[in-house]
Amino acid sequence: MVSTVDMGLFGIFLLVLLCPFFIKKVEEQLEAFLFVMGVSAVTIANAWHMELVIEAIEEPIMKGIVPAVLVAGLLFYYGRSHAQRIMNVLLDKVPLKILVFLIVVILGLSASLITAIIAALVLVEVVSLMPLDRNTKIKLTVVACFSIGLGAALTPVGEPLSTIAITKLQGPPYHAGFTFLLDTIGVYIIPGMLAFGLLSTIIVGKKTVAKETDTFAKGGDTLRDVGIRGAKVYLFVMALLLLGSGFKIIIDTYLIHIPAMILYWVNMSSAVLDNATLTAAEIGPSMDIFQIKAILMGLLVAGGMLIPGNIPNIISANKLGITSKEWARTGVPIGLVTMLVYFGWIFYI
């Protein structure tokens, strides 16, 4: 029996999913909108408690997300001219297609060690310096964020999803350690990052010159821009945490009882919900390794489809001014095709 609380939460989910695409004001103020939706979800679920309030206030800082955004913003603000010179040298020495392939794959791989946050911060600065038009930069950024999102899951250092998965499985029968996820899903993730690297070369094509009027290519943040971005990312992370807490009732009531083959597709909800929260609810030591693989890969791929799905998406969209519609135009088709490929690979090969 679906309760009024469940219906209210499903309504909020639909608003979070659809409003950014149809209401311009929501698209422009996405962080504030998600925060309001997060507060509403927690209120409807009657999940308010002091620990949640403290966690929501502290988590964006304690997890290093906002400090990393601010420090990286300052470093690139003062070092942009040097970075541009290095990029010019690289473009003179290395063909653009090879350069973007290396960037997408290396950032994906390194995200498991330097964290998805740092990898995303490097990505946006590198992309902003490239001589490409706005549309190509958006597509390249989305593809690179898919790669970073996958790669970050290879170790518990990379992102909260992998940290939670290892924590939940560290006891018997898996005794998960530092390389557990690399050993378990690395066979899917590493070819995926290489595929995204190849896709980036197709996206770039022969486009090597940006339009003079393309503000996306010029970058040039002010110190005020750096501070505003830090504040927006703070609000974004807080909003996702509140949404995850509010939707915990739905997750516990409906999702965890679904068979792995169906749950794989249901986990497309991680495109708008915090995949770490879904991981915490869905993963457990009683599951067999096949179920664990299916759940994790569904969460990881779907996380790249929309801006709220992953921290790298949030950071990149915020820095480069990518709208929800622009992200979805590239992210949704790529995500759906990738999920189909992995579905066949995991369940039938």
Protein backbone atom coordinates (compact mmCIF):
# COMPACT_ATOMS: atom_id res chain seq x y z
CA MET A 1 0.00 0.00 0.00
CA VAL A 2 1.45 3.34 -1.10
CA SER A 3 1.18 5.89 1.71
CA THR A 4 0.71 9.65 1.39
CA VAL A 5 4.36 10.05 2.46
CA ASP A 6 5.45 7.78 -0.39
CA MET A 7 3.32 9.72 -2.88
CA GLY A 8 4.77 13.01 -1.64
CA LEU A 9 8.32 11.73 -2.05
CA PHE A 10 7.60 10.33 -5.52
CA GLY A 11 6.19 13.77 -6.40
CA ILE A 12 9.40 15.45 -5.24
CA PHE A 13 11.44 12.97 -7.28
CA LEU A 14 9.48 13.91 -10.40
CA LEU A 15 9.94 17.62 -9.70
CA VAL A 16 13.70 17.15 -9.26
CA LEU A 17 13.83 15.17 -12.49
CA LEU A 18 11.68 17.40 -14.70
CA CYS A 19 11.69 21.00 -13.44
CA PRO A 20 15.29 21.83 -14.47
CA PHE A 21 14.35 21.05 -18.09
CA PHE A 22 11.08 22.97 -18.28
CA ILE A 23 11.41 25.92 -15.90
CA LYS A 24 14.16 28.36 -16.79
CA LYS A 25 14.35 29.89 -13.31
CA VAL A 26 14.96 26.44 -11.80
CA GLU A 27 17.67 25.74 -14.34
CA GLU A 28 19.37 29.03 -13.48
CA GLN A 29 19.11 28.46 -9.72
CA LEU A 30 19.51 24.68 -9.64
CA GLU A 31 21.41 24.57 -6.34
CA ALA A 32 18.73 26.55 -4.47
CA PHE A 33 15.95 24.48 -6.08
CA LEU A 34 17.56 21.18 -5.05
CA PHE A 35 18.09 22.52 -1.53
CA VAL A 36 14.38 23.39 -1.26
CA MET A 37 13.48 19.94 -2.60
CA GLY A 38 15.87 18.32 -0.11
CA VAL A 39 14.31 20.21 2.80
CA SER A 40 10.84 19.26 1.53
CA ALA A 41 11.79 15.57 1.21
CA VAL A 42 13.16 15.41 4.76
CA THR A 43 10.08 17.25 6.06
CA ILE A 44 7.60 14.95 4.29
CA ALA A 45 9.51 11.89 5.49
CA ASN A 46 9.58 13.34 9.03
CA ALA A 47 13.32 12.61 9.08
CA TRP A 48 14.61 15.78 10.74
CA HIS A 49 17.03 15.30 13.63
CA MET A 50 19.98 17.28 14.94
CA GLU A 51 22.56 14.81 13.60
CA LEU A 52 21.22 15.28 10.07
CA VAL A 53 21.36 19.08 10.35
CA ILE A 54 24.95 18.95 11.61
CA GLU A 55 25.93 16.46 8.91
CA ALA A 56 24.36 18.59 6.17
CA ILE A 57 26.25 21.66 7.39
CA GLU A 58 29.59 19.89 7.89
CA GLU A 59 29.72 17.31 5.09
CA PRO A 60 30.57 19.64 2.16
CA ILE A 61 33.59 20.83 4.15
CA MET A 62 34.55 17.66 6.02
CA LYS A 63 34.62 15.62 2.80
CA GLY A 64 36.95 18.20 1.33
CA ILE A 65 34.68 19.09 -1.57
CA VAL A 66 34.25 22.82 -0.96
CA PRO A 67 37.86 23.40 0.28
CA ALA A 68 39.16 21.63 -2.84
CA VAL A 69 36.97 23.76 -5.09
CA LEU A 70 38.13 26.98 -3.42
CA VAL A 71 41.84 26.07 -3.30
CA ALA A 72 41.87 24.83 -6.89
CA GLY A 73 39.98 27.95 -7.99
CA LEU A 74 42.59 30.18 -6.37
CA LEU A 75 45.49 28.17 -7.81
CA PHE A 76 44.10 28.35 -11.31
CA TYR A 77 43.15 32.01 -10.87
CA TYR A 78 46.74 32.97 -10.12
CA GLY A 79 48.34 30.39 -12.41
CA ARG A 80 46.10 30.60 -15.44
CA SER A 81 48.66 32.29 -17.68
CA HIS A 82 51.19 29.53 -16.93
CA ALA A 83 48.57 26.86 -17.54
CA GLN A 84 47.68 28.45 -20.89
CA ARG A 85 51.33 28.41 -21.95
CA ILE A 86 51.63 24.74 -21.02
CA MET A 87 48.45 23.94 -22.96
CA ASN A 88 49.76 25.80 -26.02
CA VAL A 89 53.00 23.80 -25.89
CA LEU A 90 51.06 20.52 -25.59
CA LEU A 91 48.81 21.45 -28.52
CA ASP A 92 51.91 22.21 -30.61
CA LYS A 93 53.53 18.88 -29.76
CA VAL A 94 50.55 16.50 -29.45
CA PRO A 95 47.62 16.08 -31.88
CA LEU A 96 44.38 17.26 -30.31
CA LYS A 97 42.67 13.87 -30.63
CA ILE A 98 45.48 12.10 -28.79
CA LEU A 99 45.55 14.83 -26.14
CA VAL A 100 41.84 14.57 -25.33
CA PHE A 101 42.06 10.77 -25.29
CA LEU A 102 44.89 10.92 -22.76
CA ILE A 103 43.10 13.53 -20.65
CA VAL A 104 39.86 11.51 -20.45
CA VAL A 105 41.58 8.20 -19.68
CA ILE A 106 44.29 9.49 -17.32
CA LEU A 107 41.87 11.61 -15.30
CA GLY A 108 39.54 8.62 -15.08
CA LEU A 109 42.29 6.35 -13.81
CA SER A 110 43.84 8.91 -11.48
CA ALA A 111 40.45 9.78 -9.91
CA SER A 112 40.73 6.58 -7.86
CA LEU A 113 43.81 8.02 -6.14
CA ILE A 114 43.49 11.82 -6.28
CA THR A 115 39.67 11.67 -5.80
CA ALA A 116 36.93 12.49 -8.28
CA ILE A 117 36.83 16.05 -6.95
CA ILE A 118 40.43 16.88 -7.84
CA ALA A 119 40.14 15.08 -11.19
CA ALA A 120 37.06 17.16 -12.05
CA LEU A 121 38.77 20.40 -11.03
CA VAL A 122 41.71 19.61 -13.29
CA LEU A 123 39.32 18.66 -16.09
CA VAL A 124 37.41 21.94 -16.11
CA GLU A 125 40.56 24.01 -16.17
CA VAL A 126 42.07 21.96 -18.98
CA VAL A 127 38.87 22.05 -21.02
CA SER A 128 38.48 25.80 -20.54
CA LEU A 129 41.96 26.30 -22.04
CA MET A 130 41.34 24.19 -25.14
CA PRO A 131 40.71 25.89 -28.51
CA LEU A 132 37.29 24.33 -29.00
CA ASP A 133 33.80 25.75 -29.52
CA ARG A 134 31.30 25.69 -26.67
CA ASN A 135 29.23 22.75 -27.90
CA THR A 136 32.30 20.54 -28.33
CA LYS A 137 33.59 21.49 -24.89
CA ILE A 138 30.27 20.56 -23.30
CA LYS A 139 30.28 17.13 -24.95
CA LEU A 140 33.92 16.55 -24.05
CA THR A 141 33.26 17.53 -20.43
CA VAL A 142 30.29 15.18 -20.11
CA VAL A 143 32.23 12.25 -21.57
CA ALA A 144 35.22 12.96 -19.31
CA CYS A 145 32.91 13.06 -16.25
CA PHE A 146 31.60 9.62 -17.16
CA SER A 147 35.21 8.41 -17.18
CA ILE A 148 36.03 10.11 -13.87
CA GLY A 149 32.85 8.75 -12.27
CA LEU A 150 33.79 5.21 -13.29
CA GLY A 151 37.47 5.48 -12.40
CA ALA A 152 36.88 6.97 -8.96
CA ALA A 153 35.08 3.77 -7.91
CA LEU A 154 38.20 1.60 -8.26
CA THR A 155 39.45 2.42 -4.74
CA PRO A 156 37.81 3.58 -1.50
CA VAL A 157 39.75 6.86 -1.85
CA GLY A 158 38.05 7.96 -5.06
CA GLU A 159 34.51 8.81 -4.03
CA PRO A 160 31.90 8.23 -1.28
CA LEU A 161 30.20 5.39 -3.20
CA SER A 162 33.35 3.27 -3.18
CA THR A 163 34.14 4.14 0.44
CA ILE A 164 30.67 3.03 1.55
CA ALA A 165 30.76 -0.15 -0.56
CA ILE A 166 34.09 -1.21 0.97
CA THR A 167 32.88 -0.39 4.48
CA LYS A 168 29.69 -2.43 4.03
CA LEU A 169 31.62 -5.43 2.65
CA GLN A 170 34.73 -5.39 4.84
CA GLY A 171 33.44 -8.23 7.02
CA PRO A 172 32.71 -11.86 6.02
CA PRO A 173 32.27 -13.29 3.47
CA TYR A 174 34.08 -10.74 1.28
CA HIS A 175 36.58 -9.16 3.69
CA ALA A 176 36.78 -6.25 1.23
CA GLY A 177 40.08 -4.39 1.26
CA PHE A 178 41.63 -1.54 -0.70
CA THR A 179 41.67 -3.40 -4.06
CA PHE A 180 38.32 -5.19 -3.70
CA LEU A 181 36.45 -2.96 -6.17
CA LEU A 182 39.35 -2.97 -8.62
CA ASP A 183 39.32 -6.77 -8.53
CA THR A 184 35.52 -6.96 -8.71
CA ILE A 185 34.45 -4.36 -11.27
CA GLY A 186 37.78 -3.25 -12.76
CA VAL A 187 37.17 -5.57 -15.71
CA TYR A 188 34.13 -3.43 -16.60
CA ILE A 189 35.47 -0.01 -15.62
CA ILE A 190 38.85 0.09 -17.36
CA PRO A 191 37.50 -0.81 -20.83
CA GLY A 192 34.72 1.72 -20.19
CA MET A 193 37.23 4.51 -19.58
CA LEU A 194 39.12 3.55 -22.74
CA ALA A 195 35.85 3.62 -24.67
CA PHE A 196 35.05 7.10 -23.33
CA GLY A 197 38.56 8.16 -24.35
CA LEU A 198 37.88 6.98 -27.92
CA LEU A 199 34.50 8.70 -27.89
CA SER A 200 36.19 11.97 -26.93
CA THR A 201 38.36 11.78 -30.05
CA ILE A 202 35.23 11.38 -32.19
CA ILE A 203 33.59 14.35 -30.45
CA VAL A 204 36.60 16.59 -31.05
CA GLY A 205 36.88 15.53 -34.70
CA LYS A 206 38.60 18.23 -36.70
CA LYS A 207 37.43 21.09 -34.49
CA THR A 208 40.55 22.89 -33.38
CA VAL A 209 39.62 26.56 -33.35
CA ALA A 210 37.20 28.24 -30.98
CA LYS A 211 35.08 31.22 -31.97
CA GLU A 212 36.38 34.56 -30.81
CA THR A 213 33.06 35.33 -29.13
CA ASP A 214 32.95 32.03 -27.24
CA THR A 215 33.01 33.08 -23.59
CA PHE A 216 33.04 29.43 -22.56
CA ALA A 217 36.55 29.16 -24.00
CA LYS A 218 37.89 32.28 -22.35
CA GLY A 219 37.49 31.31 -18.71
CA GLY A 220 38.99 34.16 -16.73
CA ASP A 221 37.36 33.77 -13.34
CA THR A 222 37.48 36.61 -10.87
CA LEU A 223 38.05 36.00 -7.16
CA ARG A 224 34.35 36.70 -6.66
CA ASP A 225 33.53 33.92 -9.17
CA VAL A 226 35.73 31.50 -7.20
CA GLY A 227 33.90 32.33 -3.97
CA ILE A 228 30.44 32.09 -5.54
CA ARG A 229 31.29 28.73 -7.08
CA GLY A 230 32.41 27.42 -3.69
CA ALA A 231 29.12 28.57 -2.13
CA LYS A 232 27.06 26.98 -4.90
CA VAL A 233 28.88 23.65 -4.62
CA TYR A 234 28.38 23.77 -0.83
CA LEU A 235 24.62 24.23 -1.30
CA PHE A 236 24.54 21.52 -3.98
CA VAL A 237 26.24 18.90 -1.77
CA MET A 238 24.02 19.82 1.18
CA ALA A 239 20.96 19.48 -1.04
CA LEU A 240 21.96 16.02 -2.26
CA LEU A 241 22.54 14.83 1.30
CA LEU A 242 19.09 16.05 2.36
CA LEU A 243 17.47 14.44 -0.68
CA GLY A 244 19.20 11.15 0.12
CA SER A 245 18.01 11.27 3.73
CA GLY A 246 14.47 12.15 2.73
CA PHE A 247 14.27 9.36 0.16
CA LYS A 248 15.69 6.71 2.50
CA ILE A 249 12.15 5.54 3.28
CA ILE A 250 11.46 4.93 -0.42
CA ILE A 251 14.79 3.16 -0.87
CA ASP A 252 14.31 0.92 2.17
CA THR A 253 10.67 0.14 1.34
CA TYR A 254 10.85 -0.50 -2.38
CA LEU A 255 14.34 -0.67 -3.89
CA ILE A 256 16.23 -3.16 -1.73
CA HIS A 257 13.73 -5.96 -2.46
CA ILE A 258 14.01 -5.70 -6.26
CA PRO A 259 15.92 -8.42 -8.20
CA ALA A 260 19.38 -7.38 -9.45
CA MET A 261 18.41 -7.37 -13.13
CA ILE A 262 15.59 -4.88 -12.50
CA LEU A 263 17.47 -2.94 -9.84
CA TYR A 264 20.20 -2.27 -12.40
CA TRP A 265 17.73 -0.14 -14.37
CA VAL A 266 15.94 1.27 -11.34
CA ASN A 267 19.32 2.63 -10.25
CA MET A 268 19.05 5.14 -13.07
CA SER A 269 17.53 7.17 -10.25
CA SER A 270 21.14 7.92 -9.25
CA ALA A 271 21.10 10.44 -12.10
CA VAL A 272 19.27 12.74 -9.67
CA LEU A 273 19.89 11.14 -6.27
CA ASP A 274 23.10 10.69 -4.31
CA ASN A 275 24.54 7.34 -5.41
CA ALA A 276 26.37 7.00 -2.10
CA THR A 277 23.00 6.92 -0.31
CA LEU A 278 21.71 4.29 -2.72
CA THR A 279 24.89 2.24 -2.23
CA ALA A 280 24.50 2.36 1.54
CA ALA A 281 20.91 1.11 1.26
CA GLU A 282 21.36 -1.53 -1.43
CA ILE A 283 24.76 -3.15 -0.86
CA GLY A 284 25.24 -5.75 1.87
CA PRO A 285 27.36 -8.80 2.69
CA SER A 286 24.39 -11.15 2.19
CA MET A 287 24.42 -10.40 -1.55
CA ASP A 288 26.33 -12.54 -4.01
CA ILE A 289 29.11 -10.96 -6.04
CA PHE A 290 26.96 -10.92 -9.18
CA GLN A 291 24.34 -8.72 -7.50
CA ILE A 292 27.03 -6.38 -6.15
CA LYS A 293 28.53 -5.92 -9.62
CA ALA A 294 25.14 -5.19 -11.18
CA ILE A 295 24.15 -2.65 -8.52
CA LEU A 296 27.46 -0.78 -8.59
CA MET A 297 27.71 -0.57 -12.38
CA GLY A 298 24.10 0.64 -12.68
CA LEU A 299 24.77 3.39 -10.13
CA LEU A 300 28.10 4.43 -11.64
CA VAL A 301 26.92 4.73 -15.24
CA ALA A 302 23.61 6.42 -14.45
CA GLY A 303 25.44 8.97 -12.29
CA GLY A 304 26.90 10.58 -15.41
CA MET A 305 23.59 11.20 -17.15
CA LEU A 306 22.45 14.38 -15.36
CA ILE A 307 24.20 17.13 -13.40
CA PRO A 308 23.08 16.05 -9.88
CA GLY A 309 24.24 12.48 -10.47
CA ASN A 310 27.87 12.95 -9.53
CA ILE A 311 30.21 15.40 -7.82
CA PRO A 312 32.38 15.74 -10.99
CA ASN A 313 29.23 16.70 -12.95
CA ILE A 314 28.30 19.32 -10.36
CA ILE A 315 31.76 20.87 -10.28
CA SER A 316 32.15 20.86 -14.06
CA ALA A 317 28.71 22.24 -14.85
CA ASN A 318 29.12 24.96 -12.23
CA LYS A 319 32.54 26.08 -13.43
CA LEU A 320 31.79 25.91 -17.15
CA GLY A 321 28.22 27.20 -17.04
CA ILE A 322 26.63 24.06 -18.52
CA THR A 323 22.84 24.00 -18.16
CA SER A 324 20.76 20.93 -17.27
CA LYS A 325 19.41 20.68 -20.82
CA GLU A 326 22.87 20.95 -22.36
CA TRP A 327 24.21 18.24 -20.07
CA ALA A 328 21.24 15.93 -20.67
CA ARG A 329 21.47 16.24 -24.46
CA THR A 330 24.84 14.49 -24.30
CA GLY A 331 24.67 12.63 -20.99
CA VAL A 332 21.34 10.82 -21.38
CA PRO A 333 22.00 9.18 -24.79
CA ILE A 334 25.55 8.19 -23.80
CA GLY A 335 24.35 6.90 -20.44
CA LEU A 336 21.53 4.82 -21.94
CA VAL A 337 23.78 3.24 -24.56
CA THR A 338 26.46 2.54 -21.95
CA MET A 339 23.91 0.98 -19.59
CA LEU A 340 22.63 -1.26 -22.38
CA VAL A 341 26.17 -2.40 -23.20
CA TYR A 342 26.99 -3.14 -19.57
CA PHE A 343 23.61 -4.83 -19.05
CA GLY A 344 24.39 -7.30 -21.83
CA TRP A 345 27.94 -7.75 -20.59
CA ILE A 346 27.06 -8.30 -16.94
CA PHE A 347 23.91 -10.40 -17.30
CA TYR A 348 24.42 -12.34 -20.54
CA ILE A 349 28.15 -12.61 -21.28
